[in-house]
Protein backbone atom coordinates (compact mmCIF):
# COMPACT_ATOMS: atom_id res chain seq x y z
CA UNK A 1 24.78 22.01 6.64
CA UNK A 2 24.40 25.81 6.75
CA UNK A 3 21.16 26.33 4.79
CA UNK A 4 21.38 30.11 5.07
CA UNK A 5 24.83 30.08 3.48
CA UNK A 6 23.58 27.83 0.67
CA UNK A 7 20.61 30.11 -0.05
CA UNK A 8 22.92 33.13 -0.09
CA UNK A 9 25.35 31.43 -2.45
CA UNK A 10 22.57 30.42 -4.85
CA UNK A 11 21.27 33.99 -5.02
CA UNK A 12 24.74 35.15 -6.08
CA UNK A 13 24.85 32.78 -9.07
CA UNK A 14 23.51 35.50 -11.38
CA UNK A 15 26.55 37.71 -10.74
CA UNK A 16 27.82 39.08 -14.09
CA UNK A 17 31.46 38.50 -13.12
CA UNK A 18 32.40 34.97 -14.32
CA UNK A 19 35.26 34.79 -11.82
CA UNK A 20 32.89 35.35 -8.91
CA UNK A 21 30.29 32.88 -10.21
CA UNK A 22 33.10 30.36 -10.70
CA UNK A 23 34.12 30.66 -7.06
CA UNK A 24 30.48 30.41 -5.93
CA UNK A 25 29.91 27.32 -8.08
CA UNK A 26 33.01 25.67 -6.62
CA UNK A 27 31.74 26.32 -3.10
CA UNK A 28 28.29 24.93 -3.89
CA UNK A 29 29.82 21.89 -5.58
CA UNK A 30 31.73 21.13 -2.38
CA UNK A 31 28.43 20.32 -0.67
CA UNK A 32 27.82 17.43 -3.07
CA UNK A 33 24.43 15.85 -3.82
CA UNK A 34 22.90 17.13 -0.56
CA UNK A 35 22.62 20.61 -2.06
CA UNK A 36 20.53 19.53 -5.09
CA UNK A 37 17.10 19.97 -3.40
CA UNK A 38 18.03 23.59 -2.53
CA UNK A 39 19.11 24.22 -6.11
CA UNK A 40 15.93 22.71 -7.53
CA UNK A 41 13.80 24.81 -5.18
CA UNK A 42 15.66 27.97 -6.25
CA UNK A 43 15.23 27.07 -9.94
CA UNK A 44 11.47 26.57 -9.52
CA UNK A 45 11.05 29.98 -7.84
CA UNK A 46 13.24 31.96 -10.21
CA UNK A 47 12.28 33.85 -13.37
CA UNK A 48 15.88 34.76 -14.21
CA UNK A 49 17.07 32.63 -17.18
CA UNK A 50 20.74 33.24 -16.32
CA UNK A 51 20.26 32.04 -12.77
CA UNK A 52 18.27 29.01 -13.95
CA UNK A 53 20.96 28.10 -16.48
CA UNK A 54 23.70 28.35 -13.83
CA UNK A 55 21.65 26.21 -11.44
CA UNK A 56 21.11 23.57 -14.13
CA UNK A 57 24.83 23.56 -14.85
CA UNK A 58 25.73 23.01 -11.19
CA UNK A 59 23.15 20.22 -10.74
CA UNK A 60 24.54 18.44 -13.81
CA UNK A 61 28.12 18.79 -12.54
CA UNK A 62 27.19 17.38 -9.13
CA UNK A 63 25.33 14.45 -10.67
CA UNK A 64 28.15 13.76 -13.11
CA UNK A 65 30.80 13.74 -10.38
CA UNK A 66 28.63 11.38 -8.35
CA UNK A 67 28.19 9.11 -11.37
CA UNK A 68 31.96 9.00 -11.98
CA UNK A 69 32.47 8.00 -8.36
CA UNK A 70 29.83 5.24 -8.56
CA UNK A 71 31.24 3.89 -11.83
CA UNK A 72 34.73 3.83 -10.33
CA UNK A 73 33.38 1.90 -7.33
CA UNK A 74 31.54 -0.50 -9.68
CA UNK A 75 34.79 -1.13 -11.54
CA UNK A 76 36.63 -1.88 -8.30
CA UNK A 77 33.90 -4.28 -7.13
CA UNK A 78 34.88 -7.80 -8.20
CA UNK A 79 31.27 -8.81 -8.94
CA UNK A 80 30.95 -6.34 -11.85
CA UNK A 81 27.15 -6.68 -11.89
CA UNK A 82 26.33 -6.16 -15.59
CA UNK A 83 22.83 -4.79 -15.03
CA UNK A 84 24.12 -2.35 -12.42
CA UNK A 85 26.77 -1.16 -14.86
CA UNK A 86 24.17 -0.61 -17.59
CA UNK A 87 21.96 1.33 -15.16
CA UNK A 88 24.88 3.56 -14.16
CA UNK A 89 25.57 4.40 -17.80
CA UNK A 90 21.89 5.23 -18.33
CA UNK A 91 22.07 7.60 -15.37
CA UNK A 92 24.38 9.80 -17.41
CA UNK A 93 21.33 10.91 -19.38
CA UNK A 94 18.66 10.01 -16.81
CA UNK A 95 20.14 10.86 -13.37
CA UNK A 96 16.88 10.11 -11.52
CA UNK A 97 16.53 6.65 -13.06
CA UNK A 98 14.81 4.17 -10.73
CA UNK A 99 17.01 1.06 -10.47
CA UNK A 100 14.24 -1.02 -8.88
CA UNK A 101 11.93 -0.30 -11.81
CA UNK A 102 14.56 -1.58 -14.26
CA UNK A 103 15.17 -4.73 -12.22
CA UNK A 104 11.42 -5.36 -11.92
CA UNK A 105 11.00 -5.08 -15.69
CA UNK A 106 13.74 -7.68 -16.17
CA UNK A 107 12.15 -9.88 -13.51
CA UNK A 108 8.79 -9.88 -15.31
CA UNK A 109 10.38 -11.24 -18.49
CA UNK A 110 12.40 -13.74 -16.45
CA UNK A 111 9.28 -15.10 -14.73
CA UNK A 112 7.58 -15.74 -18.07
CA UNK A 113 10.61 -17.66 -19.33
CA UNK A 114 11.18 -19.53 -16.04
CA UNK A 115 7.68 -21.02 -16.16
CA UNK A 116 8.50 -22.69 -19.47
CA UNK A 117 11.88 -24.11 -18.40
CA UNK A 118 12.74 -27.52 -16.93
CA UNK A 119 15.92 -29.48 -16.21
CA UNK A 120 15.36 -31.96 -19.05
CA UNK A 121 15.65 -29.43 -21.85
CA UNK A 122 18.71 -29.25 -24.09
CA UNK A 123 20.72 -26.02 -24.46
CA UNK A 124 19.07 -25.25 -27.82
CA UNK A 125 15.60 -25.94 -26.44
CA UNK A 126 16.22 -23.53 -23.58
CA UNK A 127 17.41 -20.84 -26.00
CA UNK A 128 14.35 -21.33 -28.21
CA UNK A 129 12.09 -20.85 -25.18
CA UNK A 130 13.94 -17.70 -24.11
CA UNK A 131 13.79 -16.43 -27.72
CA UNK A 132 10.04 -17.01 -27.81
CA UNK A 133 9.44 -15.15 -24.55
CA UNK A 134 11.84 -12.27 -25.26
CA UNK A 135 11.26 -11.65 -28.95
CA UNK A 136 7.68 -12.84 -29.46
CA UNK A 137 5.78 -12.60 -26.18
CA UNK A 138 7.49 -9.39 -25.03
CA UNK A 139 8.14 -8.23 -28.62
CA UNK A 140 11.72 -7.00 -28.27
CA UNK A 141 13.53 -6.31 -31.52
CA UNK A 142 16.20 -4.35 -33.31
CA UNK A 143 16.12 -0.65 -34.04
CA UNK A 144 17.26 -0.32 -37.64
CA UNK A 145 15.55 2.97 -38.51
CA UNK A 146 17.59 4.96 -35.98
CA UNK A 147 20.47 2.58 -35.33
CA UNK A 148 23.02 5.10 -33.99
CA UNK A 149 20.61 7.04 -31.74
CA UNK A 150 21.90 7.42 -28.15
CA UNK A 151 18.58 6.03 -26.89
CA UNK A 152 19.59 2.61 -28.19
CA UNK A 153 22.36 2.55 -25.60
CA UNK A 154 20.24 3.36 -22.53
CA UNK A 155 18.70 0.32 -20.88
CA UNK A 156 15.62 2.17 -19.62
CA UNK A 157 14.63 3.43 -23.08
CA UNK A 158 15.28 0.00 -24.64
CA UNK A 159 13.04 -1.63 -22.02
CA UNK A 160 10.33 0.98 -22.65
CA UNK A 161 10.45 1.01 -26.47
CA UNK A 162 11.48 -2.66 -26.81
CA UNK A 163 13.90 -1.60 -29.53
CA UNK A 164 17.67 -1.45 -29.23
CA UNK A 165 21.08 -2.05 -30.77
CA UNK A 166 22.91 -5.43 -30.67
CA UNK A 167 24.73 -4.57 -27.45
CA UNK A 168 21.72 -3.53 -25.35
CA UNK A 169 19.55 -6.41 -26.58
CA UNK A 170 22.42 -8.76 -25.73
CA UNK A 171 22.84 -7.25 -22.27
CA UNK A 172 19.18 -7.81 -21.42
CA UNK A 173 19.32 -11.29 -22.95
CA UNK A 174 22.46 -12.16 -20.96
CA UNK A 175 20.89 -10.89 -17.75
CA UNK A 176 17.79 -13.04 -18.34
CA UNK A 177 19.99 -16.05 -19.09
CA UNK A 178 21.95 -15.51 -15.87
CA UNK A 179 18.74 -15.53 -13.82
CA UNK A 180 17.69 -18.73 -15.62
CA UNK A 181 21.07 -20.41 -14.89
CA UNK A 182 21.92 -20.52 -18.60
CA UNK A 183 25.68 -20.12 -19.32
CA UNK A 184 25.31 -17.35 -21.91
CA UNK A 185 27.89 -14.55 -22.12
CA UNK A 186 28.72 -11.63 -24.39
CA UNK A 187 31.33 -11.83 -27.13
CA UNK A 188 33.04 -8.58 -28.13
CA UNK A 189 33.03 -9.10 -31.89
CA UNK A 190 34.25 -6.21 -34.09
CA UNK A 191 31.38 -4.25 -35.70
CA UNK A 192 28.84 -6.43 -33.89
CA UNK A 193 28.07 -7.95 -30.51
CA UNK A 194 26.94 -11.55 -30.06
CA UNK A 195 26.42 -14.11 -27.31
CA UNK A 196 28.02 -17.48 -26.64
CA UNK A 197 26.35 -20.48 -25.00
CA UNK A 198 29.17 -22.14 -23.08
CA UNK A 199 29.84 -25.84 -22.55
CA UNK A 200 29.60 -26.12 -18.77
CA UNK A 201 31.14 -29.61 -18.84
CA UNK A 202 34.39 -28.25 -20.29
CA UNK A 203 35.57 -25.71 -17.74
CA UNK A 204 39.27 -26.54 -18.13
CA UNK A 205 39.84 -27.66 -21.74
CA UNK A 206 42.98 -29.47 -22.85
CA UNK A 207 45.26 -27.92 -25.50
CA UNK A 208 43.42 -27.99 -28.83
CA UNK A 209 40.00 -28.21 -27.16
CA UNK A 210 39.39 -24.50 -26.51
CA UNK A 211 37.04 -24.24 -29.47
CA UNK A 212 34.76 -26.77 -27.75
CA UNK A 213 34.14 -24.39 -24.84
CA UNK A 214 31.42 -22.66 -26.89
CA UNK A 215 28.48 -24.85 -27.88
CA UNK A 216 27.04 -22.26 -30.25
CA UNK A 217 26.54 -18.53 -30.71
CA UNK A 218 23.40 -16.39 -30.47
CA UNK A 219 22.57 -13.20 -32.35
CA UNK A 220 20.23 -11.13 -30.16
CA UNK A 221 19.93 -8.56 -32.97
CA UNK A 222 18.35 -11.23 -35.16
CA UNK A 223 15.70 -12.61 -32.78
CA UNK A 224 18.14 -14.94 -31.07
CA UNK A 225 19.35 -16.76 -34.19
CA UNK A 226 21.66 -19.67 -33.35
CA UNK A 227 24.81 -20.16 -35.43
CA UNK A 228 28.16 -22.04 -35.30
CA UNK A 229 31.75 -20.82 -35.07
CA UNK A 230 32.13 -21.02 -38.85
CA UNK A 231 29.71 -18.09 -39.22
CA UNK A 232 31.98 -15.96 -37.03
CA UNK A 233 34.85 -16.95 -39.32
CA UNK A 234 32.85 -15.78 -42.37
CA UNK A 235 31.91 -12.52 -40.68
CA UNK A 236 35.52 -11.68 -39.83
CA UNK A 237 36.60 -12.62 -43.35
CA UNK A 238 34.00 -10.22 -44.82
CA UNK A 239 35.41 -7.45 -42.62
CA UNK A 240 38.94 -8.45 -43.64
CA UNK A 241 39.86 -8.81 -39.97
CA UNK A 242 42.40 -11.38 -38.83
CA UNK A 243 40.75 -13.93 -36.49
CA UNK A 244 41.74 -13.59 -32.84
CA UNK A 245 40.71 -15.81 -29.89
CA UNK A 246 39.16 -12.74 -28.23
CA UNK A 247 36.55 -12.58 -31.02
CA UNK A 248 35.27 -16.07 -30.16
CA UNK A 249 35.43 -16.17 -26.37
CA UNK A 250 33.26 -14.41 -23.76
CA UNK A 251 34.40 -10.94 -22.72
CA UNK A 252 34.18 -9.41 -19.26
CA UNK A 253 31.31 -7.26 -18.03
CA UNK A 254 33.75 -4.35 -17.76
CA UNK A 255 34.49 -4.69 -21.48
CA UNK A 256 30.75 -4.69 -22.19
CA UNK A 257 30.21 -1.45 -20.28
CA UNK A 258 33.26 0.07 -21.96
CA UNK A 259 31.75 -0.77 -25.34
CA UNK A 260 28.43 0.75 -24.29
CA UNK A 261 30.12 4.03 -23.42
CA UNK A 262 32.08 3.98 -26.70
CA UNK A 263 28.82 3.51 -28.59
CA UNK A 264 27.45 6.59 -26.84
CA UNK A 265 30.59 8.57 -27.64
CA UNK A 266 30.15 7.64 -31.30
CA UNK A 267 26.45 8.59 -31.23
CA UNK A 268 26.97 11.98 -29.59
CA UNK A 269 29.96 12.70 -31.79
CA UNK A 270 27.75 12.20 -34.87
CA UNK A 271 25.24 14.62 -33.33
CA UNK A 272 27.96 17.20 -32.65
CA UNK A 273 27.56 17.15 -28.86
CA UNK A 274 31.21 17.72 -28.00
CA UNK A 275 30.46 18.40 -24.32
CA UNK A 276 28.83 14.99 -23.91
CA UNK A 277 31.65 13.29 -25.80
CA UNK A 278 34.18 14.81 -23.41
CA UNK A 279 32.19 13.77 -20.33
CA UNK A 280 31.70 10.22 -21.60
CA UNK A 281 35.41 9.95 -22.28
CA UNK A 282 35.85 10.85 -18.62
CA UNK A 283 33.52 8.02 -17.63
CA UNK A 284 35.39 5.63 -19.90
CA UNK A 285 38.65 6.59 -18.19
CA UNK A 286 37.21 5.37 -14.88
CA UNK A 287 37.04 1.88 -16.44
CA UNK A 288 40.59 1.90 -17.76
CA UNK A 289 39.70 2.86 -21.35
CA UNK A 290 41.18 -0.34 -22.81
CA UNK A 291 40.40 -1.42 -26.37
């Protein structure tokens, strides 16, 4: 890397000619993330607001391009690690987010629940223990006062504030369940997001037995309330939505991350942040943008 060239290019970012600054930005962008420390150093030692603004813009563009690349790679990886996907989405707003810190926070909750578990417990007993640890001991709950705030869709802020929307609470709950070997998965219900506790003994149901795959449903937005399939029927009827098998069965982790990004698009659209809406639509496109 030619550090002298980089320093010279950065100094030219305050050029009044937008065509010249555009060419300079393109050249700096070609260096990728390795140029960020030089940009940050220049920002700290500058008193020119125009130069600082241009530096901030370039840093954001570099970080956004890197995020798009990582999300594309995540989508191509067959494992589709849900927690990793949620962390990547959070890095849109918090590019320096520490992944290890997030995983350690999840691990602390998991340890508290693991201590209370044993192999002789029923599915409902296990859920009640996890509910107690998650919603009572660690005091997680729903954010109803500022339901559509973007912060409710970032896993780091939900872990810090212990308040979130149905999707983020369900993601954390599902991740804890996975670490506890509990077959709990997200269900992409319209206007809401719930969890399903699966019947592990019925992996390949016969015709007419598909409904038996789910033992019961869990509402993470209501302190882990357990409810049967008939409640999903009632919910869909209230919304005047025709029942579809997809509304009862677990969805993929890709679909969960897609929904998370759509929630953010909705939030920023309400706030009038058109630039963020456009960028998030770009992230969604990396995942296929399916409904």
